[in-house]
C-alpha atoms as a PDB file:
ATOM      1  CA  MET A   1      63.472 105.163  78.733  1.00  0.00           C
ATOM      2  CA  ASP A   2      62.673 106.470  75.187  1.00  0.00           C
ATOM      3  CA  TRP A   3      58.867 105.981  75.870  1.00  0.00           C
ATOM      4  CA  ILE A   4      59.103 107.960  79.113  1.00  0.00           C
ATOM      5  CA  ALA A   5      61.412 110.672  77.501  1.00  0.00           C
ATOM      6  CA  LEU A   6      58.776 111.376  74.687  1.00  0.00           C
ATOM      7  CA  LYS A   7      56.017 112.014  77.142  1.00  0.00           C
ATOM      8  CA  HIS A   8      57.666 114.942  78.956  1.00  0.00           C
ATOM      9  CA  ALA A   9      55.685 117.594  76.991  1.00  0.00           C
ATOM     10  CA  LEU A  10      52.453 115.807  77.757  1.00  0.00           C
ATOM     11  CA  LEU A  11      53.087 115.187  81.411  1.00  0.00           C
ATOM     12  CA  SER A  12      54.217 118.773  82.086  1.00  0.00           C
ATOM     13  CA  HIS A  13      50.659 120.052  81.467  1.00  0.00           C
ATOM     14  CA  LEU A  14      49.303 118.746  84.617  1.00  0.00           C
ATOM     15  CA  PRO A  15      51.710 120.440  87.097  1.00  0.00           C
ATOM     16  CA  VAL A  16      51.211 123.722  85.176  1.00  0.00           C
ATOM     17  CA  ALA A  17      47.414 123.313  85.349  1.00  0.00           C
ATOM     18  CA  THR A  18      47.815 122.807  89.246  1.00  0.00           C
ATOM     19  CA  GLY A  19      49.816 126.009  89.485  1.00  0.00           C
ATOM     20  CA  LEU A  20      46.926 127.884  87.954  1.00  0.00           C
ATOM     21  CA  LEU A  21      43.978 126.281  89.902  1.00  0.00           C
ATOM     22  CA  LEU A  22      45.489 125.519  93.278  1.00  0.00           C
ATOM     23  CA  PRO A  23      45.629 129.275  94.491  1.00  0.00           C
ATOM     24  CA  MET A  24      41.836 129.611  94.048  1.00  0.00           C
ATOM     25  CA  ALA A  25      41.119 126.517  96.021  1.00  0.00           C
ATOM     26  CA  LEU A  26      43.585 127.464  98.871  1.00  0.00           C
ATOM     27  CA  LEU A  27      42.051 130.926  99.091  1.00  0.00           C
ATOM     28  CA  ALA A  28      38.445 129.506  99.239  1.00  0.00           C
ATOM     29  CA  SER A  29      39.515 126.877 101.958  1.00  0.00           C
ATOM     30  CA  GLN A  30      40.670 129.637 104.301  1.00  0.00           C
ATOM     31  CA  ARG A  31      37.243 130.696 105.609  1.00  0.00           C
ATOM     32  CA  PRO A  32      36.503 129.062 109.003  1.00  0.00           C
ATOM     33  CA  GLY A  33      32.971 127.756 109.614  1.00  0.00           C
ATOM     34  CA  ARG A  34      30.674 124.979 108.747  1.00  0.00           C
ATOM     35  CA  GLY A  35      30.617 123.876 105.030  1.00  0.00           C
ATOM     36  CA  ILE A  36      34.438 124.429 104.422  1.00  0.00           C
ATOM     37  CA  ARG A  37      35.375 120.819 104.354  1.00  0.00           C
ATOM     38  CA  PRO A  38      34.470 120.368 100.544  1.00  0.00           C
ATOM     39  CA  TRP A  39      37.151 123.043  99.761  1.00  0.00           C
ATOM     40  CA  TRP A  40      39.645 120.893 101.777  1.00  0.00           C
ATOM     41  CA  THR A  41      38.935 118.032  99.357  1.00  0.00           C
ATOM     42  CA  VAL A  42      39.440 120.251  96.272  1.00  0.00           C
ATOM     43  CA  ALA A  43      42.611 121.588  97.523  1.00  0.00           C
ATOM     44  CA  ARG A  44      44.081 118.304  98.487  1.00  0.00           C
ATOM     45  CA  TYR A  45      42.978 116.669  95.365  1.00  0.00           C
ATOM     46  CA  LEU A  46      44.698 119.437  93.306  1.00  0.00           C
ATOM     47  CA  GLY A  47      47.676 118.958  95.495  1.00  0.00           C
ATOM     48  CA  TRP A  48      48.052 115.311  94.931  1.00  0.00           C
ATOM     49  CA  ALA A  49      47.392 115.583  91.247  1.00  0.00           C
ATOM     50  CA  GLY A  50      50.053 118.335  91.056  1.00  0.00           C
ATOM     51  CA  PHE A  51      52.568 116.249  92.979  1.00  0.00           C
ATOM     52  CA  LEU A  52      52.061 113.132  90.806  1.00  0.00           C
ATOM     53  CA  GLY A  53      52.237 115.389  87.778  1.00  0.00           C
ATOM     54  CA  ILE A  54      55.496 116.979  88.686  1.00  0.00           C
ATOM     55  CA  LEU A  55      56.907 113.552  89.697  1.00  0.00           C
ATOM     56  CA  GLY A  56      56.145 112.286  86.208  1.00  0.00           C
ATOM     57  CA  ALA A  57      57.361 115.495  84.402  1.00  0.00           C
ATOM     58  CA  PHE A  58      60.659 115.396  86.431  1.00  0.00           C
ATOM     59  CA  LEU A  59      61.291 111.722  85.554  1.00  0.00           C
ATOM     60  CA  SER A  60      60.366 112.174  81.885  1.00  0.00           C
ATOM     61  CA  GLY A  61      62.439 115.392  81.790  1.00  0.00           C
ATOM     62  CA  PHE A  62      65.446 113.639  83.086  1.00  0.00           C
ATOM     63  CA  ALA A  63      64.948 110.768  80.643  1.00  0.00           C
ATOM     64  CA  SER A  64      64.510 113.177  77.838  1.00  0.00           C
ATOM     65  CA  GLY A  65      67.793 115.080  78.809  1.00  0.00           C
ATOM     66  CA  ARG A  66      69.688 111.892  78.885  1.00  0.00           C
ATOM     67  CA  LEU A  67      68.117 110.662  75.547  1.00  0.00           C
ATOM     68  CA  LEU A  68      69.041 113.919  73.756  1.00  0.00           C
ATOM     69  CA  GLY A  69      72.504 114.214  75.409  1.00  0.00           C
ATOM     70  CA  PHE A  70      71.652 117.468  77.424  1.00  0.00           C
ATOM     71  CA  ILE A  71      72.338 115.765  80.768  1.00  0.00           C
ATOM     72  CA  PRO A  72      75.749 114.067  80.989  1.00  0.00           C
ATOM     73  CA  PRO A  73      76.116 110.639  82.562  1.00  0.00           C
ATOM     74  CA  HIS A  74      76.185 110.341  86.214  1.00  0.00           C
ATOM     75  CA  ARG A  75      74.412 113.771  86.578  1.00  0.00           C
ATOM     76  CA  LEU A  76      70.844 114.644  87.599  1.00  0.00           C
ATOM     77  CA  LEU A  77      70.778 118.080  86.075  1.00  0.00           C
ATOM     78  CA  PRO A  78      72.373 119.749  82.889  1.00  0.00           C
ATOM     79  CA  LEU A  79      75.860 121.355  83.443  1.00  0.00           C
ATOM     80  CA  PRO A  80      75.556 124.683  85.166  1.00  0.00           C
ATOM     81  CA  ALA A  81      75.187 127.801  82.815  1.00  0.00           C
ATOM     82  CA  TRP A  82      74.187 131.357  83.646  1.00  0.00           C
ATOM     83  CA  GLY A  83      73.221 134.357  81.540  1.00  0.00           C
ATOM     84  CA  PRO A  84      71.351 134.252  78.174  1.00  0.00           C
ATOM     85  CA  GLY A  85      71.345 131.454  75.821  1.00  0.00           C
ATOM     86  CA  VAL A  86      69.741 127.995  75.551  1.00  0.00           C
ATOM     87  CA  ASP A  87      72.134 126.193  77.856  1.00  0.00           C
ATOM     88  CA  ALA A  88      71.354 128.716  80.754  1.00  0.00           C
ATOM     89  CA  LEU A  89      67.578 128.572  80.027  1.00  0.00           C
ATOM     90  CA  LEU A  90      67.711 124.616  80.081  1.00  0.00           C
ATOM     91  CA  PHE A  91      69.619 124.729  83.355  1.00  0.00           C
ATOM     92  CA  ARG A  92      67.103 127.161  84.990  1.00  0.00           C
ATOM     93  CA  HIS A  93      64.334 124.983  83.697  1.00  0.00           C
ATOM     94  CA  ALA A  94      65.772 121.811  85.280  1.00  0.00           C
ATOM     95  CA  LEU A  95      66.462 123.677  88.546  1.00  0.00           C
ATOM     96  CA  LEU A  96      62.935 125.059  88.822  1.00  0.00           C
ATOM     97  CA  GLY A  97      61.608 121.539  87.981  1.00  0.00           C
ATOM     98  CA  GLY A  98      63.722 120.070  90.930  1.00  0.00           C
ATOM     99  CA  ALA A  99      62.773 122.833  93.246  1.00  0.00           C
ATOM    100  CA  SER A 100      59.032 122.522  92.479  1.00  0.00           C
ATOM    101  CA  LEU A 101      59.302 118.790  93.545  1.00  0.00           C
ATOM    102  CA  LEU A 102      60.777 119.769  96.861  1.00  0.00           C
ATOM    103  CA  VAL A 103      58.382 122.493  97.643  1.00  0.00           C
ATOM    104  CA  ALA A 104      55.601 120.215  96.693  1.00  0.00           C
ATOM    105  CA  VAL A 105      56.427 117.960  99.614  1.00  0.00           C
ATOM    106  CA  GLY A 106      56.017 120.701 102.132  1.00  0.00           C
ATOM    107  CA  ALA A 107      52.864 122.256 100.413  1.00  0.00           C
ATOM    108  CA  LEU A 108      51.210 118.793 100.356  1.00  0.00           C
ATOM    109  CA  TRP A 109      51.990 118.113 104.052  1.00  0.00           C
ATOM    110  CA  SER A 110      50.501 121.449 104.975  1.00  0.00           C
ATOM    111  CA  MET A 111      47.262 120.773 103.139  1.00  0.00           C
ATOM    112  CA  THR A 112      46.763 117.269 104.414  1.00  0.00           C
ATOM    113  CA  ARG A 113      47.556 117.726 108.021  1.00  0.00           C
ATOM    114  CA  SER A 114      44.759 117.199 110.707  1.00  0.00           C
ATOM    115  CA  ARG A 115      42.245 119.914 110.807  1.00  0.00           C
ATOM    116  CA  LYS A 116      38.897 120.427 112.695  1.00  0.00           C
ATOM    117  CA  ASP A 117      35.690 120.385 110.702  1.00  0.00           C
ATOM    118  CA  HIS A 118      35.198 124.097 111.222  1.00  0.00           C
ATOM    119  CA  GLN A 119      38.756 125.216 110.477  1.00  0.00           C
ATOM    120  CA  GLY A 120      40.289 126.285 107.203  1.00  0.00           C
ATOM    121  CA  LEU A 121      43.387 124.831 105.753  1.00  0.00           C
ATOM    122  CA  GLY A 122      45.492 127.530 107.433  1.00  0.00           C
ATOM    123  CA  VAL A 123      47.805 130.351 106.395  1.00  0.00           C
ATOM    124  CA  LEU A 124      50.720 127.855 106.127  1.00  0.00           C
ATOM    125  CA  ALA A 125      48.939 125.825 103.526  1.00  0.00           C
ATOM    126  CA  LEU A 126      48.155 129.061 101.644  1.00  0.00           C
ATOM    127  CA  LEU A 127      51.747 130.418 101.667  1.00  0.00           C
ATOM    128  CA  LEU A 128      53.381 127.017 100.682  1.00  0.00           C
ATOM    129  CA  GLY A 129      50.836 126.469  98.087  1.00  0.00           C
ATOM    130  CA  LEU A 130      51.294 129.858  96.444  1.00  0.00           C
ATOM    131  CA  VAL A 131      55.097 129.480  96.580  1.00  0.00           C
ATOM    132  CA  TRP A 132      54.689 125.967  94.881  1.00  0.00           C
ATOM    133  CA  SER A 133      52.357 127.336  92.259  1.00  0.00           C
ATOM    134  CA  ALA A 134      54.654 130.174  91.315  1.00  0.00           C
ATOM    135  CA  VAL A 135      57.534 127.741  90.936  1.00  0.00           C
ATOM    136  CA  LEU A 136      55.444 125.434  88.900  1.00  0.00           C
ATOM    137  CA  LEU A 137      54.430 128.349  86.509  1.00  0.00           C
ATOM    138  CA  LEU A 138      57.981 129.583  86.223  1.00  0.00           C
ATOM    139  CA  ALA A 139      59.052 126.059  85.285  1.00  0.00           C
ATOM    140  CA  GLY A 140      56.312 125.898  82.759  1.00  0.00           C
ATOM    141  CA  GLU A 141      57.118 129.223  81.261  1.00  0.00           C
ATOM    142  CA  SER A 142      60.775 128.348  80.822  1.00  0.00           C
ATOM    143  CA  GLY A 143      59.856 124.927  79.212  1.00  0.00           C
ATOM    144  CA  TYR A 144      57.577 126.725  76.815  1.00  0.00           C
ATOM    145  CA  ARG A 145      60.369 128.972  75.759  1.00  0.00           C
ATOM    146  CA  LEU A 146      62.717 126.023  75.356  1.00  0.00           C
ATOM    147  CA  ALA A 147      60.112 124.283  73.197  1.00  0.00           C
ATOM    148  CA  HIS A 148      59.090 127.184  71.038  1.00  0.00           C
ATOM    149  CA  GLY A 149      62.086 129.603  71.140  1.00  0.00           C
ATOM    150  CA  ASN A 150      61.890 133.436  70.985  1.00  0.00           C
ATOM    151  CA  ARG A 151      60.746 135.416  67.983  1.00  0.00           C
ATOM    152  CA  VAL A 152      62.498 138.582  66.870  1.00  0.00           C
ATOM    153  CA  ARG A 153      60.381 141.194  65.340  1.00  0.00           C
ATOM    154  CA  VAL A 154      61.237 144.349  63.231  1.00  0.00           C
ATOM    155  CA  PRO A 155      59.361 147.589  62.903  1.00  0.00           C
ATOM    156  CA  ALA A 156      56.430 146.914  60.606  1.00  0.00           C
ATOM    157  CA  GLN A 157      55.888 150.348  59.158  1.00  0.00           C
ATOM    158  CA  VAL A 158      58.342 152.204  56.600  1.00  0.00           C
ATOM    159  CA  ALA A 159      57.474 155.661  55.359  1.00  0.00           C
ATOM    160  CA  ALA A 160      57.497 156.382  51.622  1.00  0.00           C
ATOM    161  CA  PRO A 161      59.456 159.350  50.235  1.00  0.00           C
ATOM    162  CA  ALA A 162      58.306 162.898  51.201  1.00  0.00           C
ATOM    163  CA  VAL A 163      57.358 163.785  47.510  1.00  0.00           C
ATOM    164  CA  ALA A 164      54.678 161.354  47.465  1.00  0.00           C
ATOM    165  CA  PRO A 165      51.604 160.930  49.721  1.00  0.00           C
ATOM    166  CA  PRO A 166      52.563 159.000  52.837  1.00  0.00           C
ATOM    167  CA  VAL A 167      52.185 155.359  52.197  1.00  0.00           C
ATOM    168  CA  LEU A 168      52.718 152.665  54.886  1.00  0.00           C
ATOM    169  CA  ILE A 169      54.363 149.522  53.728  1.00  0.00           C
ATOM    170  CA  GLN A 170      53.709 146.489  55.882  1.00  0.00           C
ATOM    171  CA  VAL A 171      56.831 144.429  56.490  1.00  0.00           C
ATOM    172  CA  PRO A 172      56.306 140.892  57.420  1.00  0.00           C
ATOM    173  CA  PRO A 173      57.874 139.825  60.893  1.00  0.00           C
ATOM    174  CA  VAL A 174      61.396 138.281  60.611  1.00  0.00           C
ATOM    175  CA  GLU A 175      61.688 135.164  62.651  1.00  0.00           C
ATOM    176  CA  GLN A 176      64.848 133.501  63.676  1.00  0.00           C
ATOM    177  CA  ASP A 177      65.468 130.078  61.964  1.00  0.00           C
ATOM    178  CA  SER A 178      64.004 127.697  64.337  1.00  0.00           C
ATOM    179  CA  GLU A 179      66.615 125.036  63.212  1.00  0.00           C
ATOM    180  CA  ALA A 180      69.636 127.363  63.736  1.00  0.00           C
ATOM    181  CA  LYS A 181      70.056 125.934  67.279  1.00  0.00           C
ATOM    182  CA  VAL A 182      68.389 122.580  67.278  1.00  0.00           C
ATOM    183  CA  PRO A 183      67.369 120.309  64.344  1.00  0.00           C
ATOM    184  CA  VAL A 184      63.766 119.668  65.630  1.00  0.00           C
ATOM    185  CA  ARG A 185      63.025 116.870  63.052  1.00  0.00           C
ATOM    186  CA  ALA A 186      66.024 114.913  64.025  1.00  0.00           C
ATOM    187  CA  LEU A 187      65.548 115.185  67.644  1.00  0.00           C
ATOM    188  CA  ASP A 188      61.948 113.713  67.139  1.00  0.00           C
ATOM    189  CA  HIS A 189      63.378 110.530  65.441  1.00  0.00           C
ATOM    190  CA  ALA A 190      61.512 108.202  67.658  1.00  0.00           C
ATOM    191  CA  SER A 191      58.451 109.254  65.992  1.00  0.00           C
ATOM    192  CA  LEU A 192      59.771 107.719  62.833  1.00  0.00           C
ATOM    193  CA  GLU A 193      59.742 103.946  62.059  1.00  0.00           C
ATOM    194  CA  PRO A 194      62.780 102.016  63.418  1.00  0.00           C
ATOM    195  CA  ILE A 195      64.588  99.952  60.736  1.00  0.00           C
ATOM    196  CA  HIS A 196      66.169  97.602  63.235  1.00  0.00           C
ATOM    197  CA  PRO A 197      65.252  97.127  66.944  1.00  0.00           C
ATOM    198  CA  GLN A 198      68.879  96.979  68.411  1.00  0.00           C
ATOM    199  CA  PRO A 199      71.958  99.141  67.766  1.00  0.00           C
ATOM    200  CA  VAL A 200      74.582  97.889  65.316  1.00  0.00           C
ATOM    201  CA  LYS A 201      78.125  99.077  65.286  1.00  0.00           C
ATOM    202  CA  SER A 202      79.093 101.349  62.314  1.00  0.00           C
ATOM    203  CA  PRO A 203      82.844 101.892  61.601  1.00  0.00           C
ATOM    204  CA  ALA A 204      81.754 104.612  58.914  1.00  0.00           C
ATOM    205  CA  HIS A 205      80.261 106.681  61.815  1.00  0.00           C
ATOM    206  CA  GLY A 206      83.118 106.775  64.100  1.00  0.00           C
ATOM    207  CA  GLY A 207      82.728 103.254  65.452  1.00  0.00           C
ATOM    208  CA  ARG A 208      79.634 104.151  67.256  1.00  0.00           C
ATOM    209  CA  TRP A 209      76.545 102.028  67.763  1.00  0.00           C
ATOM    210  CA  ILE A 210      73.656 103.206  65.590  1.00  0.00           C
ATOM    211  CA  GLN A 211      69.953 102.858  65.144  1.00  0.00           C
ATOM    212  CA  VAL A 212      68.199 103.856  61.949  1.00  0.00           C
ATOM    213  CA  TRP A 213      64.847 105.623  61.784  1.00  0.00           C
ATOM    214  CA  ALA A 214      63.048 106.439  58.616  1.00  0.00           C
ATOM    215  CA  ASN A 215      59.697 107.966  57.569  1.00  0.00           C
ATOM    216  CA  PRO A 216      57.149 105.705  55.912  1.00  0.00           C
ATOM    217  CA  GLU A 217      58.124 106.758  52.399  1.00  0.00           C
ATOM    218  CA  ALA A 218      61.650 105.599  52.796  1.00  0.00           C
ATOM    219  CA  VAL A 219      61.286 102.285  54.778  1.00  0.00           C
ATOM    220  CA  ALA A 220      60.752  99.774  51.883  1.00  0.00           C
ATOM    221  CA  ALA A 221      63.442 101.472  49.825  1.00  0.00           C
ATOM    222  CA  TYR A 222      65.973 101.623  52.532  1.00  0.00           C
ATOM    223  CA  ARG A 223      65.520  98.001  53.466  1.00  0.00           C
ATOM    224  CA  SER A 224      65.704  96.773  49.943  1.00  0.00           C
ATOM    225  CA  GLY A 225      68.692  98.889  49.002  1.00  0.00           C
ATOM    226  CA  GLN A 226      66.770 100.776  46.384  1.00  0.00           C
ATOM    227  CA  PRO A 227      67.232 104.528  45.640  1.00  0.00           C
ATOM    228  CA  LEU A 228      65.436 106.716  48.218  1.00  0.00           C
ATOM    229  CA  PRO A 229      62.506 108.517  46.843  1.00  0.00           C
ATOM    230  CA  PRO A 230      62.040 112.335  47.267  1.00  0.00           C
ATOM    231  CA  GLY A 231      60.810 113.332  50.598  1.00  0.00           C
ATOM    232  CA  THR A 232      62.856 110.622  52.393  1.00  0.00           C
ATOM    233  CA  PHE A 233      63.886 111.426  55.878  1.00  0.00           C
ATOM    234  CA  VAL A 234      66.416 109.107  57.682  1.00  0.00           C
ATOM    235  CA  VAL A 235      67.895 109.663  61.156  1.00  0.00           C
ATOM    236  CA  LEU A 236      70.815 107.724  62.718  1.00  0.00           C
ATOM    237  CA  SER A 237      70.768 107.966  66.474  1.00  0.00           C
ATOM    238  CA  THR A 238      74.088 106.915  68.013  1.00  0.00           C
ATOM    239  CA  LEU A 239      75.566 105.749  71.174  1.00  0.00           C
ATOM    240  CA  GLU A 240      79.275 105.782  72.138  1.00  0.00           C
ATOM    241  CA  ASP A 241      81.117 102.386  72.332  1.00  0.00           C
ATOM    242  CA  ARG A 242      81.904 101.160  75.837  1.00  0.00           C
ATOM    243  CA  TRP A 243      83.909  98.037  75.989  1.00  0.00           C
ATOM    244  CA  GLY A 244      82.464  96.590  72.757  1.00  0.00           C
ATOM    245  CA  ARG A 245      78.942  97.312  73.633  1.00  0.00           C
ATOM    246  CA  PRO A 246      76.556 100.327  73.332  1.00  0.00           C
ATOM    247  CA  GLY A 247      77.399 102.699  76.328  1.00  0.00           C
ATOM    248  CA  ALA A 248      75.226 105.052  78.142  1.00  0.00           C
ATOM    249  CA  GLU A 249      76.706 108.118  76.577  1.00  0.00           C
ATOM    250  CA  VAL A 250      74.809 109.579  73.652  1.00  0.00           C
ATOM    251  CA  GLY A 251      76.615 110.227  70.593  1.00  0.00           C
ATOM    252  CA  PRO A 252      75.738 112.596  67.703  1.00  0.00           C
ATOM    253  CA  LEU A 253      72.630 112.538  65.363  1.00  0.00           C
ATOM    254  CA  TYR A 254      73.003 112.119  61.694  1.00  0.00           C
ATOM    255  CA  ALA A 255      70.190 112.993  59.325  1.00  0.00           C
ATOM    256  CA  LEU A 256      69.631 112.451  55.647  1.00  0.00           C
ATOM    257  CA  GLU A 257      66.829 114.199  53.653  1.00  0.00           C
ATOM    258  CA  MET A 258      66.310 113.508  50.001  1.00  0.00           C
ATOM    259  CA  LYS A 259      65.243 116.966  48.347  1.00  0.00           C
ATOM    260  CA  ALA A 260      64.671 117.880  44.757  1.00  0.00           C
ATOM    261  CA  SER A 261      68.269 119.307  44.551  1.00  0.00           C
ATOM    262  CA  GLY A 262      69.782 116.052  45.923  1.00  0.00           C
ATOM    263  CA  PRO A 263      70.551 114.754  49.426  1.00  0.00           C
ATOM    264  CA  SER A 264      70.694 117.067  52.443  1.00  0.00           C
ATOM    265  CA  LEU A 265      72.685 116.010  55.406  1.00  0.00           C
ATOM    266  CA  THR A 266      72.744 117.098  59.073  1.00  0.00           C
ATOM    267  CA  PHE A 267      75.145 116.385  61.876  1.00  0.00           C
ATOM    268  CA  TYR A 268      74.120 117.303  65.505  1.00  0.00           C
ATOM    269  CA  TRP A 269      75.923 116.605  68.699  1.00  0.00           C
ATOM    270  CA  PRO A 270      74.303 118.585  71.556  1.00  0.00           C
ATOM    271  CA  ARG A 271      76.902 117.775  74.215  1.00  0.00           C
ATOM    272  CA  ILE A 272      80.458 116.814  72.958  1.00  0.00           C
ATOM    273  CA  PRO A 273      82.397 115.104  75.853  1.00  0.00           C
ATOM    274  CA  MET A 274      85.468 116.960  76.991  1.00  0.00           C
ATOM    275  CA  ASP A 275      87.859 114.485  75.709  1.00  0.00           C
ATOM    276  CA  ARG A 276      86.494 114.904  72.137  1.00  0.00           C
ATOM    277  CA  ARG A 277      86.273 118.618  71.980  1.00  0.00           C
ATOM    278  CA  GLN A 278      89.690 119.160  70.733  1.00  0.00           C
ATOM    279  CA  ALA A 279      88.713 117.575  67.415  1.00  0.00           C
ATOM    280  CA  PHE A 280      85.881 120.022  67.121  1.00  0.00           C
ATOM    281  CA  GLY A 281      87.893 123.208  67.674  1.00  0.00           C
ATOM    282  CA  GLY A 282      87.012 123.222  71.443  1.00  0.00           C
ATOM    283  CA  ASP A 283      83.257 123.559  70.875  1.00  0.00           C
ATOM    284  CA  SER A 284      80.815 122.029  73.278  1.00  0.00           C
ATOM    285  CA  ARG A 285      78.087 121.566  70.639  1.00  0.00           C
ATOM    286  CA  ALA A 286      78.289 120.903  66.868  1.00  0.00           C
ATOM    287  CA  TYR A 287      75.484 121.483  64.447  1.00  0.00           C
ATOM    288  CA  TRP A 288      76.433 120.972  60.738  1.00  0.00           C
ATOM    289  CA  ARG A 289      74.044 121.070  57.842  1.00  0.00           C
ATOM    290  CA  GLY A 290      73.617 122.225  54.168  1.00  0.00           C
ATOM    291  CA  ASN A 291      76.843 123.113  52.624  1.00  0.00           C
ATOM    292  CA  ASP A 292      78.912 123.148  55.674  1.00  0.00           C
ATOM    293  CA  PRO A 293      82.516 122.000  54.790  1.00  0.00           C
ATOM    294  CA  HIS A 294      82.616 119.703  57.682  1.00  0.00           C
ATOM    295  CA  LEU A 295      80.154 117.458  55.883  1.00  0.00           C
ATOM    296  CA  ASN A 296      82.351 117.060  52.670  1.00  0.00           C
ATOM    297  CA  ALA A 297      83.313 113.524  53.747  1.00  0.00           C
ATOM    298  CA  CYS A 298      79.596 112.647  54.350  1.00  0.00           C
ATOM    299  CA  ARG A 299      78.528 114.123  50.973  1.00  0.00           C
ATOM    300  CA  THR A 300      81.165 112.025  49.148  1.00  0.00           C
ATOM    301  CA  CYS A 301      79.721 108.783  50.780  1.00  0.00           C
ATOM    302  CA  HIS A 302      76.082 109.875  50.390  1.00  0.00           C
ATOM    303  CA  ALA A 303      76.389 111.656  46.986  1.00  0.00           C
ATOM    304  CA  ALA A 304      73.473 109.477  45.600  1.00  0.00           C
ATOM    305  CA  GLY A 305      71.538 109.377  48.907  1.00  0.00           C
ATOM    306  CA  MET A 306      71.966 106.116  50.778  1.00  0.00           C
ATOM    307  CA  ALA A 307      75.448 104.556  50.966  1.00  0.00           C
ATOM    308  CA  ASP A 308      76.124 101.085  49.419  1.00  0.00           C
ATOM    309  CA  PRO A 309      73.908  98.647  51.369  1.00  0.00           C
ATOM    310  CA  ALA A 310      76.672  96.075  51.170  1.00  0.00           C
ATOM    311  CA  GLN A 311      78.768  98.239  53.454  1.00  0.00           C
ATOM    312  CA  ARG A 312      76.071  98.339  56.137  1.00  0.00           C
ATOM    313  CA  SER A 313      77.386  97.001  59.553  1.00  0.00           C
ATOM    314  CA  ARG A 314      75.539  93.809  60.891  1.00  0.00           C
ATOM    315  CA  TRP A 315      77.784  93.796  63.971  1.00  0.00           C
ATOM    316  CA  ARG A 316      75.428  93.612  66.885  1.00  0.00           C
ATOM    317  CA  ALA A 317      76.325  93.770  70.583  1.00  0.00           C
ATOM    318  CA  LYS A 318      77.080  90.372  72.143  1.00  0.00           C
ATOM    319  CA  LYS A 319      74.467  89.375  74.757  1.00  0.00           C
ATOM    320  CA  ALA A 320      75.910  89.791  78.352  1.00  0.00           C
ATOM    321  CA  LEU A 321      76.634  86.677  80.221  1.00  0.00           C
ATOM    322  CA  PRO A 322      75.192  86.269  83.736  1.00  0.00           C
ATOM    323  CA  GLY A 323      77.349  88.184  86.212  1.00  0.00           C
ATOM    324  CA  GLU A 324      78.743  90.661  83.520  1.00  0.00           C
END
């Protein structure tokens, strides 16, 4: 599931390319007469490529949403949200992705139905293909906005005082902090090196099942219990406990980065379960970092970076017996 989830950005390029190229092939295949059959092949090839691409993008997007906690258990789409904001954009992106898969079936059927050698693919194939291409491009555009965020710019010219000759001062664009909403580095923890292959239970982290991921500079020091060198980045991905085993519900991410000024800690929970929100002031999402007072207990334990290796949990999940 992790491997599929990490391929969503790669697989989504194929349906977007189909949305750009398919209208040209469908328009060219409308002309009746001899020699039109090769355009059938081009349109049908693009149709099948786009269908397989959107199927892979949909499956990998679903896996990515589950992995990052954006899609709750027992749901196929994120929780409904409307209006501005990341939650609404994510819901629209998922909705467009699902709609493109449904429209793809009709468009592909209209392009592959039986036709005579001198006929074009027909107006029905053209209309359904154009609708499908539009939905694909809208889904791709919303996905791009999710991945790259929106930039806010300010006027770049400020006039000097009237007593002096007019001078234009170039003010650099002001961008929103890209990590103010999502800790990008922590979400990409699967690109780091895993310290242990299976989750272990950690009482110090809410009794959750954790997996530790670290960059190459930190692996040897972490495993041997030595002080972590500057530049270290360690992430704990977590799963909620379910009957003494790692459950399907994703818990928060914990991140530790060793800077020149000392350890920097991050806590991120993208989708807090309803029964846990009271402990978080009713918030549906938590993102604490830097000097946030919520991290005081974490800073006490990690004042020197890594906690005492002797306190690490080695409690692994018991293997399920046949029939369990």
